[in-house]
Amino acid sequence: MRTATRFVVFTLVVGAIVAFIAPPVGAVSDKDGKDGKAAGTAVAGALEAAPAATPAAPVPVAEGDLLGTWTGTILPSGSQAAFDGGMITIERGDAGLVVKVGPNARVRFTSKRIIRTEQGLRFEVTLPDEDETRLLVYDVRVDGERMTGQVTFVRHRMTQPANIEFARQ
């Protein structure tokens, strides 16, 4: 992680130096004033055509770092009060990762549509309901012993997003 941070800082410093040293766009040079063209047009064009420097991408989370039991809190958008977020377990299965979500170790629901992201997971959990299926859509990021992100509760075509903050147990 230190190497990635150093690389990002290095990239930003080099970008600032290049921006400071580069001639202003459209500056007229003494040598190139004969034909009326702005000097540095080729340089400016090359700078404009070059993609902007982007910070180095974070190091992807290894599958082994996702595994385990996670517990924590959920804070619905627009609310000041967080509540017990239950438990998320992530295990290796025969066909890939298996994610189970529930209020405790006895009551858990297996997720569907698990997608690995660079820093974590996206997954859906369908909860049984008498009237209509309730859906929980998680988008989480794992950073060491912390899992943060969002869960969106979908029911009766309405959504309620919430922030989550879990810790590995």
Foldseek 3Di string as FASTA:
>chain_A
DVVLVVQQVVLVVVLVVCVVPQDDAQDADPVPPPVPGRPCNVVVVVVVPDDDDDRDDDQFDDPVQQAAKKWFWKAWPPDPDIDTQAMWGWDADPVGIWIWGDNYPVDTFIWPDWDGDRFGIWTKTWDDDPPDIKMKIWDWGDDRFKIWGWIWIADPNDIIIIIIIIGGD
